[in-house]
């Protein structure tokens, strides 16, 4: 790991973003967590199932994922390159672990957020699942962790929802004082964790689903040549965000009907999907919509097409 200074050139930046429930092709039954047998070897069973699928079913993650959340991640990658970084895009996935965006995988259903394909209902179970994914070979590549990503990059910026940061908690502790590592998420900002997208949706535009990626792009613009995790970078973000945050009544603000319809339309442009996986992705991002209201709006969009 190379030491950084305020004057260092930007160098290689590893961007780590969340995976998305929206896939461009449907997952087969054996590649959905909901169909795993219960027991202590669920992760081993999961890995064996994905490995057993024909290689012809694998797609590069860039092409496998779809929808507005994934597009915002690709936009973040492009913006980082425009700002002078050499970018490596990584995906934090409940089904794949930490995976390069250019690696390949079959369509799958696995999530750290609530829904039928949640890997575990409790915090301990989700962390145990994440740790187990890092052992051995998987889909033709060696499993990796955050420390390995850090070794290959000058800097690391994570743009993840709280649900996807949670399993990485132990790994992130190792880099709490690393000026080359920063995390953008939608938690309420604190003195220990000042880099937050909370309250910035109206200022940055888009929906709650895309907020962390949009905020990460803004963060990179503000930090300039400073290391992303430095006190200088934190201070610049705090000063900008303080002038641009708008109060939010709840950690998971409800969307308007028009915002939900827009989200549904954008996802359905990628491929036809049932409403349940769409609602799961909406909630994963930190947004709220009651199941009955989402079903009504989904039906309205379908009928209008």
Protein backbone atom coordinates (compact mmCIF):
# COMPACT_ATOMS: atom_id res chain seq x y z
CA UNK A 1 0.00 0.00 0.00
CA UNK A 2 1.52 3.30 -1.04
CA UNK A 3 1.57 6.27 1.29
CA UNK A 4 -0.35 9.35 0.16
CA UNK A 5 0.30 13.03 0.60
CA UNK A 6 -1.84 16.06 -0.14
CA UNK A 7 0.27 16.77 -3.21
CA UNK A 8 0.13 13.24 -4.65
CA UNK A 9 -1.20 12.74 -8.17
CA UNK A 10 -4.59 11.05 -8.21
CA UNK A 11 -3.34 7.67 -9.41
CA UNK A 12 -5.42 4.48 -9.38
CA UNK A 13 -8.82 4.66 -7.70
CA UNK A 14 -10.84 1.58 -6.76
CA UNK A 15 -14.56 2.36 -6.73
CA UNK A 16 -16.72 -0.15 -4.82
CA UNK A 17 -20.47 0.02 -5.49
CA UNK A 18 -23.46 -2.11 -4.55
CA UNK A 19 -24.79 -4.78 -6.87
CA UNK A 20 -28.37 -4.43 -8.03
CA UNK A 21 -31.39 -6.70 -7.98
CA UNK A 22 -32.13 -5.70 -11.58
CA UNK A 23 -30.49 -8.18 -13.97
CA UNK A 24 -30.72 -8.07 -17.76
CA UNK A 25 -31.50 -11.79 -17.86
CA UNK A 26 -33.56 -13.79 -15.37
CA UNK A 27 -31.90 -16.01 -12.78
CA UNK A 28 -32.53 -19.74 -12.86
CA UNK A 29 -34.16 -21.39 -9.83
CA UNK A 30 -30.88 -22.88 -8.58
CA UNK A 31 -29.26 -19.41 -8.59
CA UNK A 32 -31.69 -17.90 -6.09
CA UNK A 33 -30.97 -17.86 -2.36
CA UNK A 34 -34.64 -18.54 -1.59
CA UNK A 35 -34.23 -22.07 -2.98
CA UNK A 36 -31.17 -23.03 -0.90
CA UNK A 37 -31.50 -25.77 1.68
CA UNK A 38 -31.26 -24.57 5.28
CA UNK A 39 -28.19 -25.64 7.21
CA UNK A 40 -24.58 -24.75 8.04
CA UNK A 41 -23.27 -25.29 4.49
CA UNK A 42 -25.52 -22.85 2.64
CA UNK A 43 -22.62 -20.78 1.30
CA UNK A 44 -20.83 -23.89 0.03
CA UNK A 45 -24.09 -25.00 -1.58
CA UNK A 46 -24.47 -21.54 -3.16
CA UNK A 47 -20.95 -21.51 -4.59
CA UNK A 48 -21.33 -25.04 -5.98
CA UNK A 49 -24.63 -24.14 -7.65
CA UNK A 50 -23.24 -21.06 -9.41
CA UNK A 51 -20.08 -22.91 -10.41
CA UNK A 52 -22.16 -25.75 -11.89
CA UNK A 53 -24.06 -23.49 -14.29
CA UNK A 54 -22.79 -23.49 -17.91
CA UNK A 55 -20.20 -20.85 -18.70
CA UNK A 56 -22.43 -19.80 -21.58
CA UNK A 57 -24.83 -18.36 -18.98
CA UNK A 58 -22.20 -16.02 -17.55
CA UNK A 59 -22.09 -12.34 -18.49
CA UNK A 60 -19.65 -9.58 -17.53
CA UNK A 61 -21.15 -7.81 -14.54
CA UNK A 62 -21.23 -4.57 -16.56
CA UNK A 63 -23.76 -6.23 -18.86
CA UNK A 64 -25.49 -8.41 -16.29
CA UNK A 65 -26.71 -5.57 -14.07
CA UNK A 66 -29.24 -3.00 -15.21
CA UNK A 67 -31.60 -0.29 -14.02
CA UNK A 68 -31.02 3.22 -12.69
CA UNK A 69 -28.92 2.13 -9.72
CA UNK A 70 -26.36 0.40 -11.94
CA UNK A 71 -26.37 3.22 -14.46
CA UNK A 72 -25.50 5.64 -11.67
CA UNK A 73 -22.50 3.43 -10.79
CA UNK A 74 -21.29 3.52 -14.40
CA UNK A 75 -21.79 7.29 -14.45
CA UNK A 76 -19.65 7.54 -11.30
CA UNK A 77 -16.90 5.51 -12.98
CA UNK A 78 -16.99 7.79 -16.02
CA UNK A 79 -16.89 10.94 -13.90
CA UNK A 80 -13.91 9.65 -11.90
CA UNK A 81 -12.02 9.01 -15.13
CA UNK A 82 -12.89 12.48 -16.39
CA UNK A 83 -11.39 13.87 -13.16
CA UNK A 84 -8.07 12.18 -13.86
CA UNK A 85 -8.24 8.90 -11.96
CA UNK A 86 -7.32 5.51 -13.38
CA UNK A 87 -10.43 3.65 -12.23
CA UNK A 88 -11.06 0.05 -11.23
CA UNK A 89 -14.78 -0.60 -10.68
CA UNK A 90 -15.68 -3.26 -8.09
CA UNK A 91 -19.05 -4.63 -7.00
CA UNK A 92 -19.98 -5.57 -3.44
CA UNK A 93 -22.43 -8.41 -3.99
CA UNK A 94 -24.28 -10.67 -1.58
CA UNK A 95 -24.04 -13.39 -4.23
CA UNK A 96 -20.48 -12.90 -5.45
CA UNK A 97 -18.54 -11.13 -2.69
CA UNK A 98 -16.17 -8.42 -3.93
CA UNK A 99 -16.00 -8.83 -7.69
CA UNK A 100 -14.45 -6.73 -10.48
CA UNK A 101 -17.10 -5.22 -12.74
CA UNK A 102 -15.35 -6.85 -15.70
CA UNK A 103 -15.58 -10.36 -14.22
CA UNK A 104 -18.41 -12.65 -15.29
CA UNK A 105 -21.23 -14.41 -13.46
CA UNK A 106 -24.60 -15.97 -14.20
CA UNK A 107 -27.76 -14.11 -13.25
CA UNK A 108 -28.51 -14.71 -9.58
CA UNK A 109 -30.77 -13.64 -6.73
CA UNK A 110 -29.03 -12.77 -3.45
CA UNK A 111 -29.27 -9.73 -1.21
CA UNK A 112 -28.24 -8.34 2.17
CA UNK A 113 -31.47 -6.34 2.26
CA UNK A 114 -34.91 -7.68 3.06
CA UNK A 115 -36.75 -9.79 0.52
CA UNK A 116 -37.11 -13.42 -0.56
CA UNK A 117 -33.43 -13.75 -1.48
CA UNK A 118 -31.95 -12.19 1.66
CA UNK A 119 -28.95 -14.30 2.65
CA UNK A 120 -29.68 -14.10 6.39
CA UNK A 121 -32.25 -12.31 8.55
CA UNK A 122 -29.78 -11.19 11.23
CA UNK A 123 -26.58 -9.17 11.29
CA UNK A 124 -24.37 -12.05 12.44
CA UNK A 125 -25.69 -14.29 9.69
CA UNK A 126 -25.05 -11.71 7.00
CA UNK A 127 -21.48 -11.11 8.17
CA UNK A 128 -20.84 -14.86 8.36
CA UNK A 129 -22.13 -15.27 4.81
CA UNK A 130 -19.85 -12.47 3.56
CA UNK A 131 -16.79 -13.99 5.24
CA UNK A 132 -17.54 -17.42 3.81
CA UNK A 133 -17.76 -16.03 0.26
CA UNK A 134 -14.11 -14.97 0.55
CA UNK A 135 -12.78 -18.54 0.85
CA UNK A 136 -11.35 -20.38 -2.14
CA UNK A 137 -12.05 -20.18 -5.86
CA UNK A 138 -15.41 -18.98 -7.14
CA UNK A 139 -16.56 -18.73 -10.77
CA UNK A 140 -13.01 -19.14 -11.99
CA UNK A 141 -11.48 -16.38 -9.88
CA UNK A 142 -9.78 -16.23 -6.51
CA UNK A 143 -11.93 -14.71 -3.79
CA UNK A 144 -10.76 -11.33 -2.54
CA UNK A 145 -11.36 -8.89 0.30
CA UNK A 146 -11.08 -5.17 0.95
CA UNK A 147 -7.43 -5.45 1.98
CA UNK A 148 -6.56 -6.99 -1.40
CA UNK A 149 -8.39 -4.22 -3.22
CA UNK A 150 -6.53 -1.64 -1.13
CA UNK A 151 -3.17 -3.15 -2.05
CA UNK A 152 -3.87 -2.77 -5.76
CA UNK A 153 -5.04 0.85 -5.64
CA UNK A 154 -3.68 4.22 -4.55
CA UNK A 155 -7.10 5.10 -3.14
CA UNK A 156 -10.44 3.40 -2.46
CA UNK A 157 -13.88 4.98 -2.44
CA UNK A 158 -16.90 2.91 -1.40
CA UNK A 159 -20.39 4.09 -2.37
CA UNK A 160 -22.70 1.63 -0.61
CA UNK A 161 -26.04 1.56 1.17
CA UNK A 162 -25.95 0.85 4.94
CA UNK A 163 -27.25 -2.68 4.27
CA UNK A 164 -24.17 -3.43 2.16
CA UNK A 165 -21.71 -1.63 4.41
CA UNK A 166 -22.74 -3.73 7.41
CA UNK A 167 -21.10 -7.02 6.29
CA UNK A 168 -17.87 -5.12 5.53
CA UNK A 169 -17.77 -3.55 8.99
CA UNK A 170 -14.88 -5.60 10.35
CA UNK A 171 -12.81 -5.08 7.21
CA UNK A 172 -13.45 -1.33 7.18
CA UNK A 173 -12.22 -0.98 10.76
CA UNK A 174 -8.71 -1.76 9.54
CA UNK A 175 -8.79 1.35 7.35
CA UNK A 176 -10.42 3.79 9.78
CA UNK A 177 -7.30 5.99 9.81
CA UNK A 178 -6.23 5.38 6.22
CA UNK A 179 -6.25 8.69 4.26
CA UNK A 180 -6.61 6.71 1.06
CA UNK A 181 -9.97 5.16 1.95
CA UNK A 182 -13.38 6.87 2.11
CA UNK A 183 -16.96 5.65 2.42
CA UNK A 184 -20.04 7.36 1.00
CA UNK A 185 -23.34 6.12 2.40
CA UNK A 186 -26.76 7.43 3.42
CA UNK A 187 -26.25 7.29 7.20
CA UNK A 188 -26.67 10.43 9.27
CA UNK A 189 -23.28 12.18 9.35
CA UNK A 190 -21.27 11.95 12.56
CA UNK A 191 -17.90 13.23 13.70
CA UNK A 192 -16.42 9.76 13.14
CA UNK A 193 -18.18 9.28 9.79
CA UNK A 194 -18.73 12.70 8.18
CA UNK A 195 -18.91 11.60 4.55
CA UNK A 196 -22.62 11.04 4.06
CA UNK A 197 -25.21 11.52 1.32
CA UNK A 198 -27.97 12.03 3.87
CA UNK A 199 -30.27 14.93 3.00
CA UNK A 200 -28.66 15.63 -0.38
CA UNK A 201 -31.10 13.99 -2.78
CA UNK A 202 -32.87 17.21 -3.75
CA UNK A 203 -29.56 19.03 -4.25
CA UNK A 204 -27.96 16.26 -6.33
CA UNK A 205 -31.07 15.22 -8.25
CA UNK A 206 -32.21 11.76 -9.23
CA UNK A 207 -33.87 9.31 -6.88
CA UNK A 208 -32.81 7.84 -3.56
CA UNK A 209 -31.73 4.72 -5.46
CA UNK A 210 -28.93 6.63 -7.21
CA UNK A 211 -28.01 9.04 -4.42
CA UNK A 212 -24.83 7.42 -3.08
CA UNK A 213 -23.23 7.21 -6.52
CA UNK A 214 -24.18 10.81 -7.33
CA UNK A 215 -22.82 11.97 -3.97
CA UNK A 216 -19.59 10.04 -4.53
CA UNK A 217 -19.11 11.81 -7.88
CA UNK A 218 -19.64 15.17 -6.18
CA UNK A 219 -17.22 14.16 -3.44
CA UNK A 220 -14.47 13.39 -5.95
CA UNK A 221 -14.95 16.80 -7.55
CA UNK A 222 -14.65 18.55 -4.18
CA UNK A 223 -11.58 16.72 -2.85
CA UNK A 224 -9.47 17.72 -5.84
CA UNK A 225 -5.98 16.28 -5.46
CA UNK A 226 -6.32 15.50 -1.75
CA UNK A 227 -6.45 11.86 -0.63
CA UNK A 228 -10.09 10.78 -0.47
CA UNK A 229 -9.96 9.87 3.22
CA UNK A 230 -7.90 12.83 4.41
CA UNK A 231 -9.07 15.44 6.89
CA UNK A 232 -8.86 18.00 4.08
CA UNK A 233 -11.27 15.98 1.95
CA UNK A 234 -13.62 15.47 4.91
CA UNK A 235 -13.63 19.17 5.70
CA UNK A 236 -14.37 20.18 2.12
CA UNK A 237 -17.30 17.75 2.02
CA UNK A 238 -18.68 18.84 5.39
CA UNK A 239 -18.62 22.50 4.37
CA UNK A 240 -20.32 21.83 1.03
CA UNK A 241 -22.90 19.40 2.45
CA UNK A 242 -23.82 21.68 5.34
CA UNK A 243 -25.02 24.29 2.84
CA UNK A 244 -26.90 21.78 0.72
CA UNK A 245 -28.60 19.30 3.04
CA UNK A 246 -32.36 19.48 3.37
CA UNK A 247 -34.11 17.93 6.37
CA UNK A 248 -35.44 14.42 5.85
CA UNK A 249 -38.14 13.19 8.16
CA UNK A 250 -37.05 9.56 8.19
CA UNK A 251 -33.97 7.49 7.30
CA UNK A 252 -36.10 5.89 4.59
CA UNK A 253 -38.14 8.71 3.01
CA UNK A 254 -41.18 7.69 0.97
CA UNK A 255 -41.16 8.50 -2.72
CA UNK A 256 -43.99 10.25 -4.55
CA UNK A 257 -46.14 8.29 -6.97
CA UNK A 258 -44.41 9.96 -9.92
CA UNK A 259 -40.97 9.04 -8.57
CA UNK A 260 -42.01 5.41 -8.12
CA UNK A 261 -43.51 5.29 -11.62
CA UNK A 262 -40.26 6.72 -13.05
CA UNK A 263 -38.23 4.09 -11.21
CA UNK A 264 -40.47 1.28 -12.51
CA UNK A 265 -40.37 2.56 -16.10
CA UNK A 266 -36.58 2.87 -16.08
CA UNK A 267 -36.15 -0.67 -14.76
CA UNK A 268 -38.63 -2.14 -17.23
CA UNK A 269 -36.70 -0.54 -20.09
CA UNK A 270 -33.86 -2.92 -19.23
CA UNK A 271 -36.07 -6.03 -19.30
CA UNK A 272 -39.51 -7.19 -18.13
CA UNK A 273 -39.52 -7.89 -14.39
CA UNK A 274 -42.04 -8.90 -11.79
CA UNK A 275 -42.90 -6.25 -9.24
CA UNK A 276 -41.39 -8.05 -6.21
CA UNK A 277 -37.71 -7.78 -7.30
CA UNK A 278 -38.32 -4.16 -8.31
CA UNK A 279 -39.72 -3.33 -4.88
CA UNK A 280 -36.78 -5.11 -3.22
CA UNK A 281 -34.30 -2.94 -5.12
CA UNK A 282 -36.22 0.23 -4.31
CA UNK A 283 -36.11 -0.57 -0.61
CA UNK A 284 -32.46 -1.63 -0.73
CA UNK A 285 -31.54 1.91 -1.65
CA UNK A 286 -33.16 3.30 1.50
CA UNK A 287 -36.43 4.47 -0.07
CA UNK A 288 -39.89 3.56 1.16
CA UNK A 289 -43.01 2.45 -0.68
CA UNK A 290 -45.83 0.35 0.73
CA UNK A 291 -46.31 -2.97 -1.02
CA UNK A 292 -49.93 -2.29 -2.02
CA UNK A 293 -49.08 1.17 -3.41
CA UNK A 294 -46.14 -0.22 -5.36
CA UNK A 295 -48.37 -2.96 -6.81
CA UNK A 296 -50.90 -0.35 -7.93
CA UNK A 297 -48.27 1.88 -9.53
CA UNK A 298 -46.58 -1.10 -11.17
CA UNK A 299 -49.92 -2.11 -12.69
CA UNK A 300 -50.51 1.46 -13.91
CA UNK A 301 -47.15 1.56 -15.66
CA UNK A 302 -47.76 -1.83 -17.25
CA UNK A 303 -51.19 -0.82 -18.53
CA UNK A 304 -49.86 2.45 -19.97
CA UNK A 305 -47.20 0.71 -22.05
